[in-house]
Amino acid sequence: MSFIYSNVSSPRGAPMGRPDCYGDGVSPCKLHLERVHFVDGDYDRGGAYWGSGTPLYVAYGEDANEQIEMFTRASTREAAKVLIQSRRKNVRFYR
């Protein structure tokens, strides 16, 4: 499974990043976590601009009610897990 990037490019240019969707914030959930690979330098596959720097990760899945998409910058996958878990409780990750 791989994260599906919605197309956000427009005639006026690209937005800076993407919003996080936390779901209800309390339901236990198991998320996929993958590194975002950029195209054209600092843009994700859907056209959002992120700039350069520390690697970017996306955690995604769903809780009991809603889709979850959370982005974070971290030097390693393990560090990204810790940062995501600090922002939303009851999170586990697929391998």
C-alpha atoms as a PDB file:
ATOM      1  CA  MET A   1       0.000   0.000   0.000  1.00  0.00           C
ATOM      2  CA  SER A   2       1.233   3.460  -0.801  1.00  0.00           C
ATOM      3  CA  PHE A   3      -0.044   6.919   0.082  1.00  0.00           C
ATOM      4  CA  ILE A   4      -2.200   8.488  -2.651  1.00  0.00           C
ATOM      5  CA  TYR A   5      -1.455  12.163  -3.119  1.00  0.00           C
ATOM      6  CA  SER A   6      -4.416  14.295  -4.130  1.00  0.00           C
ATOM      7  CA  ASN A   7      -3.569  16.805  -6.854  1.00  0.00           C
ATOM      8  CA  VAL A   8      -3.293  20.263  -5.319  1.00  0.00           C
ATOM      9  CA  SER A   9      -1.502  22.138  -8.096  1.00  0.00           C
ATOM     10  CA  SER A  10      -3.357  25.054  -9.651  1.00  0.00           C
ATOM     11  CA  PRO A  11      -2.818  27.869 -12.167  1.00  0.00           C
ATOM     12  CA  ARG A  12      -1.782  30.067  -9.230  1.00  0.00           C
ATOM     13  CA  GLY A  13       0.965  27.707  -8.138  1.00  0.00           C
ATOM     14  CA  ALA A  14       1.376  25.127  -5.421  1.00  0.00           C
ATOM     15  CA  PRO A  15       0.281  25.295  -1.794  1.00  0.00           C
ATOM     16  CA  MET A  16       2.882  25.107   0.948  1.00  0.00           C
ATOM     17  CA  GLY A  17       2.590  21.602   2.386  1.00  0.00           C
ATOM     18  CA  ARG A  18      -0.666  19.819   3.184  1.00  0.00           C
ATOM     19  CA  PRO A  19      -2.991  19.940   6.192  1.00  0.00           C
ATOM     20  CA  ASP A  20      -2.945  17.162   8.770  1.00  0.00           C
ATOM     21  CA  CYS A  21      -6.127  15.154   9.373  1.00  0.00           C
ATOM     22  CA  TYR A  22      -6.019  13.617  12.844  1.00  0.00           C
ATOM     23  CA  GLY A  23      -9.380  11.844  12.912  1.00  0.00           C
ATOM     24  CA  ASP A  24     -11.079  11.931  16.305  1.00  0.00           C
ATOM     25  CA  GLY A  25      -7.703  11.886  18.057  1.00  0.00           C
ATOM     26  CA  VAL A  26      -8.563   9.208  20.633  1.00  0.00           C
ATOM     27  CA  SER A  27      -9.610   6.019  18.832  1.00  0.00           C
ATOM     28  CA  PRO A  28      -6.842   3.431  18.562  1.00  0.00           C
ATOM     29  CA  CYS A  29      -5.474   3.192  15.054  1.00  0.00           C
ATOM     30  CA  LYS A  30      -2.752   1.492  13.082  1.00  0.00           C
ATOM     31  CA  LEU A  31      -1.053   3.695  10.491  1.00  0.00           C
ATOM     32  CA  HIS A  32       1.219   3.207   7.539  1.00  0.00           C
ATOM     33  CA  LEU A  33       4.357   5.343   7.640  1.00  0.00           C
ATOM     34  CA  GLU A  34       6.430   6.139   4.583  1.00  0.00           C
ATOM     35  CA  ARG A  35       8.965   8.671   3.484  1.00  0.00           C
ATOM     36  CA  VAL A  36       7.707  11.263   1.020  1.00  0.00           C
ATOM     37  CA  HIS A  37       9.695  11.162  -2.201  1.00  0.00           C
ATOM     38  CA  PHE A  38       9.885  14.460  -4.004  1.00  0.00           C
ATOM     39  CA  VAL A  39       9.560  15.241  -7.692  1.00  0.00           C
ATOM     40  CA  ASP A  40      10.849  18.423  -9.296  1.00  0.00           C
ATOM     41  CA  GLY A  41      12.978  19.147  -6.251  1.00  0.00           C
ATOM     42  CA  ASP A  42      10.762  19.980  -3.284  1.00  0.00           C
ATOM     43  CA  TYR A  43       7.239  18.985  -4.456  1.00  0.00           C
ATOM     44  CA  ASP A  44       5.324  15.846  -3.537  1.00  0.00           C
ATOM     45  CA  ARG A  45       3.634  13.718  -6.218  1.00  0.00           C
ATOM     46  CA  GLY A  46       0.399  15.732  -5.907  1.00  0.00           C
ATOM     47  CA  GLY A  47       2.065  19.103  -6.407  1.00  0.00           C
ATOM     48  CA  ALA A  48       2.341  20.442  -2.824  1.00  0.00           C
ATOM     49  CA  TYR A  49       5.542  22.373  -2.109  1.00  0.00           C
ATOM     50  CA  TRP A  50       7.515  21.365   0.995  1.00  0.00           C
ATOM     51  CA  GLY A  51      10.923  22.966   0.597  1.00  0.00           C
ATOM     52  CA  SER A  52      14.149  21.128   1.265  1.00  0.00           C
ATOM     53  CA  GLY A  53      15.677  19.957   4.506  1.00  0.00           C
ATOM     54  CA  THR A  54      15.149  17.062   6.871  1.00  0.00           C
ATOM     55  CA  PRO A  55      13.330  14.082   5.295  1.00  0.00           C
ATOM     56  CA  LEU A  56       9.530  14.270   5.268  1.00  0.00           C
ATOM     57  CA  TYR A  57       7.314  11.364   6.361  1.00  0.00           C
ATOM     58  CA  VAL A  58       3.575  10.755   6.026  1.00  0.00           C
ATOM     59  CA  ALA A  59       1.536   8.592   8.410  1.00  0.00           C
ATOM     60  CA  TYR A  60      -1.820   7.546   6.990  1.00  0.00           C
ATOM     61  CA  GLY A  61      -4.725   5.223   7.609  1.00  0.00           C
ATOM     62  CA  GLU A  62      -8.026   5.539   9.379  1.00  0.00           C
ATOM     63  CA  ASP A  63      -9.451   5.362  12.863  1.00  0.00           C
ATOM     64  CA  ALA A  64     -13.006   4.272  13.653  1.00  0.00           C
ATOM     65  CA  ASN A  65     -14.522   7.283  11.918  1.00  0.00           C
ATOM     66  CA  GLU A  66     -12.174   9.225   9.649  1.00  0.00           C
ATOM     67  CA  GLN A  67      -9.138   9.246   7.388  1.00  0.00           C
ATOM     68  CA  ILE A  68      -5.848  10.174   9.039  1.00  0.00           C
ATOM     69  CA  GLU A  69      -2.987  11.909   7.242  1.00  0.00           C
ATOM     70  CA  MET A  70      -0.138  13.359   9.271  1.00  0.00           C
ATOM     71  CA  PHE A  71       3.120  14.800   7.959  1.00  0.00           C
ATOM     72  CA  THR A  72       6.326  15.287   9.915  1.00  0.00           C
ATOM     73  CA  ARG A  73       9.990  15.968   9.281  1.00  0.00           C
ATOM     74  CA  ALA A  74      12.444  13.620  10.976  1.00  0.00           C
ATOM     75  CA  SER A  75      15.930  12.314  10.401  1.00  0.00           C
ATOM     76  CA  THR A  76      14.838   8.642  10.678  1.00  0.00           C
ATOM     77  CA  ARG A  77      11.711   6.514  10.457  1.00  0.00           C
ATOM     78  CA  GLU A  78      11.909   5.786  14.196  1.00  0.00           C
ATOM     79  CA  ALA A  79      12.105   9.501  15.006  1.00  0.00           C
ATOM     80  CA  ALA A  80       9.080  10.111  12.755  1.00  0.00           C
ATOM     81  CA  LYS A  81       7.098   7.495  14.719  1.00  0.00           C
ATOM     82  CA  VAL A  82       7.877   9.233  18.004  1.00  0.00           C
ATOM     83  CA  LEU A  83       6.827  12.624  16.616  1.00  0.00           C
ATOM     84  CA  ILE A  84       3.541  11.265  15.233  1.00  0.00           C
ATOM     85  CA  GLN A  85       2.776   9.494  18.533  1.00  0.00           C
ATOM     86  CA  SER A  86       3.403  12.741  20.428  1.00  0.00           C
ATOM     87  CA  ARG A  87       0.683  14.438  18.347  1.00  0.00           C
ATOM     88  CA  ARG A  88      -1.919  11.651  18.367  1.00  0.00           C
ATOM     89  CA  LYS A  89      -2.357   9.057  21.083  1.00  0.00           C
ATOM     90  CA  ASN A  90      -3.190   5.364  20.601  1.00  0.00           C
ATOM     91  CA  VAL A  91      -1.163   5.025  17.395  1.00  0.00           C
ATOM     92  CA  ARG A  92       0.652   1.914  16.253  1.00  0.00           C
ATOM     93  CA  PHE A  93       2.419   1.420  12.942  1.00  0.00           C
ATOM     94  CA  TYR A  94       2.575  -1.271  10.298  1.00  0.00           C
ATOM     95  CA  ARG A  95       6.113  -2.464   9.556  1.00  0.00           C
END
